[in-house]
């Protein structure tokens, strides 16, 4: 008996409709129907196939991990799903750098004031040295006698005259600022209700999830599309908000039941839903978020 048929029989034994499974797991109906038919083509990647099977099995009272091991030959291989680029990346939030203009201008201003003071001192000294006394001008004789200064005095004056040197401007200390973690949209699939984000300038994924209502939430850590750790599975509500996780893996998958009730922060960046939940039409209320850590 195939995996999908086992799940379907277990559902019928519990007298559950496909809608009941959808309401409990928040998995879209078309995915549940594909699972029962052993048709994986409509599900975006092997990672989601295994995650959905585990959730389905849990509702109907089966062991999801045992099912996956028993029917491993029926499942798609664990190869990363390649997403088509749909939307341009959002502008990065760069931290402002550089010092204030007034602090850049201050050293130059001090240099100018210093040069002016030196020039004024030299000028005043020369005027005082060579200006004749007023008593000499009032002498009755027309023959003015000018006494040349001693050679030693001239040498001393010459030595005392400072040379105008332009002080070197102090080198501005360049402060290396640490790069700021940036969250960008890589792709968005409206048909699959899936958005792929990428985090740069960080060495790990740090999640803070705040709830303003009650929403089903799965938080799974993964490497290369292969699930490694389940950090949370259940209802996120005001009573257990906020949920904070430091993800050890390079990827994290969020399966969200009511996106409008959850605010997600990734390494200080508030995640903006590319697929905005529409309460009137019910579109994108349930959606999947894949966040990938980009390392150089």
Protein backbone atom coordinates (compact mmCIF):
# COMPACT_ATOMS: atom_id res chain seq x y z
CA UNK A 1 0.00 0.00 0.00
CA UNK A 2 1.38 3.40 -0.99
CA UNK A 3 2.06 6.15 1.53
CA UNK A 4 -0.74 8.40 0.31
CA UNK A 5 -3.26 5.56 0.44
CA UNK A 6 -2.26 4.78 4.05
CA UNK A 7 -2.85 8.37 5.08
CA UNK A 8 -6.20 8.46 3.29
CA UNK A 9 -7.40 5.23 4.96
CA UNK A 10 -6.28 6.52 8.37
CA UNK A 11 -8.28 9.72 7.74
CA UNK A 12 -11.39 7.80 6.74
CA UNK A 13 -11.09 5.54 9.79
CA UNK A 14 -11.18 8.66 11.98
CA UNK A 15 -14.18 9.91 9.96
CA UNK A 16 -12.30 13.07 8.95
CA UNK A 17 -12.81 15.04 5.75
CA UNK A 18 -9.96 16.57 3.79
CA UNK A 19 -11.20 19.97 5.02
CA UNK A 20 -10.71 18.81 8.62
CA UNK A 21 -7.07 17.98 7.89
CA UNK A 22 -6.65 21.37 6.19
CA UNK A 23 -8.11 23.27 9.17
CA UNK A 24 -5.94 21.36 11.64
CA UNK A 25 -2.63 21.57 9.78
CA UNK A 26 -3.19 24.82 7.80
CA UNK A 27 -1.84 22.99 4.74
CA UNK A 28 -3.59 23.96 1.51
CA UNK A 29 -6.19 21.49 0.26
CA UNK A 30 -4.50 20.86 -3.10
CA UNK A 31 -1.33 19.73 -1.32
CA UNK A 32 -3.27 17.30 0.88
CA UNK A 33 -5.03 15.83 -2.16
CA UNK A 34 -1.68 15.45 -3.94
CA UNK A 35 -0.24 13.61 -0.93
CA UNK A 36 -3.13 11.12 -0.89
CA UNK A 37 -2.54 10.49 -4.61
CA UNK A 38 1.25 10.09 -4.14
CA UNK A 39 1.68 13.02 -6.55
CA UNK A 40 4.57 15.23 -5.44
CA UNK A 41 4.80 17.38 -8.56
CA UNK A 42 2.59 20.19 -7.21
CA UNK A 43 4.45 20.46 -3.87
CA UNK A 44 7.45 22.85 -3.93
CA UNK A 45 10.38 20.62 -3.07
CA UNK A 46 11.16 17.48 -1.09
CA UNK A 47 11.53 19.46 2.14
CA UNK A 48 7.85 20.51 2.03
CA UNK A 49 6.75 17.00 1.00
CA UNK A 50 8.27 15.51 4.16
CA UNK A 51 7.06 18.33 6.40
CA UNK A 52 3.45 18.07 5.12
CA UNK A 53 3.45 14.26 5.47
CA UNK A 54 4.57 14.53 9.11
CA UNK A 55 1.79 17.03 9.90
CA UNK A 56 -0.86 14.96 8.09
CA UNK A 57 0.28 11.79 9.90
CA UNK A 58 0.17 13.50 13.30
CA UNK A 59 -3.49 14.51 12.79
CA UNK A 60 -4.61 10.99 11.83
CA UNK A 61 -2.59 9.31 14.61
CA UNK A 62 0.30 7.88 12.58
CA UNK A 63 4.06 8.18 13.12
CA UNK A 64 5.28 10.52 10.38
CA UNK A 65 8.97 9.61 10.68
CA UNK A 66 8.22 5.88 10.45
CA UNK A 67 6.08 6.45 7.36
CA UNK A 68 8.86 8.44 5.70
CA UNK A 69 11.41 5.70 6.37
CA UNK A 70 9.06 2.92 5.22
CA UNK A 71 8.14 4.68 1.97
CA UNK A 72 11.44 6.45 1.30
CA UNK A 73 11.57 4.97 -2.21
CA UNK A 74 8.29 6.71 -3.10
CA UNK A 75 9.48 10.17 -2.08
CA UNK A 76 11.37 12.69 -4.22
CA UNK A 77 15.11 13.01 -3.67
CA UNK A 78 16.29 15.73 -1.27
CA UNK A 79 17.61 18.23 -3.78
CA UNK A 80 17.34 21.97 -3.25
CA UNK A 81 14.42 23.54 -5.08
CA UNK A 82 15.57 26.19 -7.56
CA UNK A 83 13.23 29.18 -7.40
CA UNK A 84 12.67 31.46 -10.33
CA UNK A 85 13.59 35.05 -9.63
CA UNK A 86 10.41 37.08 -9.50
CA UNK A 87 10.95 40.28 -7.56
CA UNK A 88 14.02 42.50 -7.25
CA UNK A 89 15.74 42.54 -3.91
CA UNK A 90 14.65 45.15 -1.48
CA UNK A 91 17.06 47.96 -0.82
CA UNK A 92 19.54 47.10 1.88
CA UNK A 93 19.45 49.02 5.08
CA UNK A 94 22.94 50.39 5.44
CA UNK A 95 24.04 52.05 8.67
CA UNK A 96 25.10 55.69 8.29
CA UNK A 97 28.85 56.12 8.45
CA UNK A 98 31.31 58.99 8.66
CA UNK A 99 31.75 61.79 11.13
CA UNK A 100 29.84 65.06 11.39
CA UNK A 101 30.94 67.82 8.94
CA UNK A 102 31.65 70.24 11.81
CA UNK A 103 34.28 67.86 13.22
CA UNK A 104 35.94 67.56 9.80
CA UNK A 105 36.08 71.36 9.48
CA UNK A 106 37.36 72.06 13.02
CA UNK A 107 41.06 71.03 12.46
CA UNK A 108 41.27 73.23 9.34
CA UNK A 109 39.83 76.18 11.25
CA UNK A 110 42.40 75.78 14.03
CA UNK A 111 45.23 75.69 11.46
CA UNK A 112 44.00 78.91 9.82
CA UNK A 113 43.76 80.70 13.20
CA UNK A 114 47.27 79.53 14.13
CA UNK A 115 48.78 80.77 10.85
CA UNK A 116 47.07 84.17 11.23
CA UNK A 117 48.37 84.51 14.81
CA UNK A 118 51.96 83.71 13.75
CA UNK A 119 51.82 86.16 10.84
CA UNK A 120 50.43 88.92 13.08
CA UNK A 121 53.18 88.32 15.67
CA UNK A 122 55.91 88.57 13.02
CA UNK A 123 54.41 91.73 11.55
CA UNK A 124 54.07 93.40 14.94
CA UNK A 125 57.67 92.49 15.87
CA UNK A 126 59.07 93.97 12.65
CA UNK A 127 57.09 97.19 13.04
CA UNK A 128 58.23 97.61 16.66
CA UNK A 129 61.86 96.95 15.70
CA UNK A 130 62.22 99.36 12.78
CA UNK A 131 59.76 102.16 13.68
CA UNK A 132 61.78 105.32 14.68
CA UNK A 133 61.14 107.01 18.03
CA UNK A 134 59.04 110.17 17.92
CA UNK A 135 61.80 112.10 19.75
CA UNK A 136 64.16 111.59 16.81
CA UNK A 137 61.66 113.21 14.44
CA UNK A 138 61.64 116.40 16.61
CA UNK A 139 65.45 116.93 16.39
CA UNK A 140 66.38 120.56 15.39
CA UNK A 141 68.99 119.35 12.93
CA UNK A 142 67.87 118.36 9.45
CA UNK A 143 70.65 115.78 9.21
CA UNK A 144 69.11 112.59 10.55
CA UNK A 145 71.63 110.08 11.79
CA UNK A 146 70.56 106.49 11.30
CA UNK A 147 72.49 103.92 13.24
CA UNK A 148 72.60 100.52 11.68
CA UNK A 149 71.93 97.66 14.08
CA UNK A 150 74.78 95.45 15.13
CA UNK A 151 75.43 92.36 13.06
CA UNK A 152 74.87 90.17 16.12
CA UNK A 153 71.49 91.77 16.65
CA UNK A 154 70.51 91.16 13.02
CA UNK A 155 71.54 87.52 13.32
CA UNK A 156 69.52 87.13 16.50
CA UNK A 157 66.47 88.70 14.87
CA UNK A 158 66.87 86.46 11.86
CA UNK A 159 67.10 83.38 14.04
CA UNK A 160 64.08 84.41 16.07
CA UNK A 161 61.83 84.82 13.03
CA UNK A 162 59.85 81.59 12.83
CA UNK A 163 59.29 80.08 9.45
CA UNK A 164 55.73 79.70 8.39
CA UNK A 165 55.03 76.03 8.25
CA UNK A 166 51.72 74.53 7.44
CA UNK A 167 50.91 72.10 10.21
CA UNK A 168 50.04 68.66 9.01
CA UNK A 169 46.41 67.86 9.38
CA UNK A 170 45.85 65.02 11.80
CA UNK A 171 44.91 61.87 10.03
CA UNK A 172 41.31 61.07 10.58
CA UNK A 173 40.91 57.79 12.30
CA UNK A 174 38.92 55.52 10.08
CA UNK A 175 36.51 53.55 12.14
CA UNK A 176 35.65 50.22 10.64
CA UNK A 177 31.98 49.65 11.23
CA UNK A 178 30.66 46.13 11.43
CA UNK A 179 28.33 45.21 8.56
CA UNK A 180 24.65 45.28 9.45
CA UNK A 181 22.57 42.11 8.89
CA UNK A 182 20.28 42.63 5.91
CA UNK A 183 17.14 40.67 4.95
CA UNK A 184 16.21 40.58 1.25
CA UNK A 185 13.51 38.93 -0.86
CA UNK A 186 14.92 36.40 -3.33
CA UNK A 187 11.69 35.15 -4.90
CA UNK A 188 7.97 34.93 -4.34
CA UNK A 189 5.60 32.26 -5.70
CA UNK A 190 1.97 33.38 -5.58
CA UNK A 191 0.62 29.99 -6.69
CA UNK A 192 2.46 28.12 -3.94
CA UNK A 193 2.03 30.94 -1.36
CA UNK A 194 5.78 30.72 -0.76
CA UNK A 195 8.34 33.51 -0.26
CA UNK A 196 12.11 32.95 -0.19
CA UNK A 197 14.22 35.43 1.84
CA UNK A 198 18.00 35.68 2.22
CA UNK A 199 19.95 37.06 5.21
CA UNK A 200 23.42 38.54 4.63
CA UNK A 201 26.12 40.02 6.92
CA UNK A 202 25.36 37.56 9.72
CA UNK A 203 26.85 34.34 11.07
CA UNK A 204 23.58 32.79 12.30
CA UNK A 205 19.80 33.12 12.05
CA UNK A 206 18.09 34.73 15.04
CA UNK A 207 14.26 34.75 15.06
CA UNK A 208 11.82 36.69 17.23
CA UNK A 209 8.14 35.90 16.54
CA UNK A 210 5.43 38.00 18.19
CA UNK A 211 1.75 37.07 18.06
CA UNK A 212 -1.22 39.42 18.30
CA UNK A 213 -3.76 36.60 18.00
CA UNK A 214 -3.71 32.83 17.58
CA UNK A 215 -1.94 31.24 14.62
CA UNK A 216 -0.66 27.78 13.77
CA UNK A 217 3.13 27.86 13.39
CA UNK A 218 5.86 25.39 12.46
CA UNK A 219 9.52 26.46 12.84
CA UNK A 220 11.92 23.94 11.26
CA UNK A 221 15.69 24.33 10.86
CA UNK A 222 17.25 22.77 7.75
CA UNK A 223 20.51 22.37 5.86
CA UNK A 224 20.43 22.06 2.05
CA UNK A 225 16.65 21.54 2.16
CA UNK A 226 16.93 18.63 4.62
CA UNK A 227 15.09 19.13 7.89
CA UNK A 228 17.33 18.93 10.96
CA UNK A 229 15.54 20.44 13.96
CA UNK A 230 11.92 21.28 14.84
CA UNK A 231 12.06 24.37 17.07
CA UNK A 232 8.31 24.89 17.43
CA UNK A 233 5.10 23.23 16.29
CA UNK A 234 1.79 24.43 17.64
CA UNK A 235 -0.22 27.59 18.14
CA UNK A 236 1.58 30.91 18.59
CA UNK A 237 -0.58 33.21 20.70
CA UNK A 238 -0.34 36.13 23.06
CA UNK A 239 0.21 33.80 26.01
CA UNK A 240 3.53 32.46 24.69
CA UNK A 241 4.62 35.56 22.75
CA UNK A 242 7.35 36.38 21.92
CA UNK A 243 9.00 33.19 20.65
CA UNK A 244 12.78 33.57 20.30
CA UNK A 245 15.09 31.10 18.56
CA UNK A 246 18.77 31.02 17.59
CA UNK A 247 18.79 28.73 14.56
CA UNK A 248 21.81 26.45 14.29
CA UNK A 249 21.10 25.46 10.68
CA UNK A 250 21.61 27.57 7.54
CA UNK A 251 17.89 27.58 6.64
CA UNK A 252 14.63 27.93 8.53
CA UNK A 253 11.13 27.13 7.23
CA UNK A 254 8.06 28.79 8.70
CA UNK A 255 4.63 27.25 8.02
CA UNK A 256 2.15 29.95 9.06
CA UNK A 257 -1.60 29.55 9.55
CA UNK A 258 -2.58 33.20 10.05
CA UNK A 259 0.13 35.51 8.76
CA UNK A 260 -1.72 38.67 9.76
CA UNK A 261 -1.36 37.72 13.44
CA UNK A 262 2.43 37.23 13.40
CA UNK A 263 5.26 39.78 13.38
CA UNK A 264 8.60 38.18 12.50
CA UNK A 265 12.00 39.77 13.18
CA UNK A 266 15.17 38.26 11.68
CA UNK A 267 18.46 39.50 13.17
CA UNK A 268 16.91 42.89 13.90
CA UNK A 269 15.12 43.15 10.51
CA UNK A 270 11.32 43.16 10.53
CA UNK A 271 10.13 40.71 7.86
CA UNK A 272 7.72 42.36 5.44
CA UNK A 273 5.23 39.99 3.84
CA UNK A 274 5.63 40.11 0.07
CA UNK A 275 2.38 38.16 -0.21
CA UNK A 276 0.15 40.40 1.92
CA UNK A 277 -2.67 38.51 3.70
CA UNK A 278 -6.10 39.52 2.39
CA UNK A 279 -8.83 39.02 4.99
CA UNK A 280 -11.61 39.74 2.49
CA UNK A 281 -10.59 37.07 -0.03
CA UNK A 282 -8.72 34.78 2.37
CA UNK A 283 -5.71 34.86 0.06
CA UNK A 284 -2.22 34.43 1.57
CA UNK A 285 -3.54 34.11 5.13
CA UNK A 286 -1.79 30.72 5.22
CA UNK A 287 1.66 30.83 3.66
CA UNK A 288 5.19 29.44 3.85
CA UNK A 289 8.35 31.44 4.52
CA UNK A 290 11.86 30.15 3.72
CA UNK A 291 14.77 32.15 5.18
CA UNK A 292 18.29 31.26 4.09
CA UNK A 293 21.57 32.42 5.68
CA UNK A 294 24.05 33.50 3.01
CA UNK A 295 27.66 32.96 4.02
CA UNK A 296 30.66 34.11 2.01
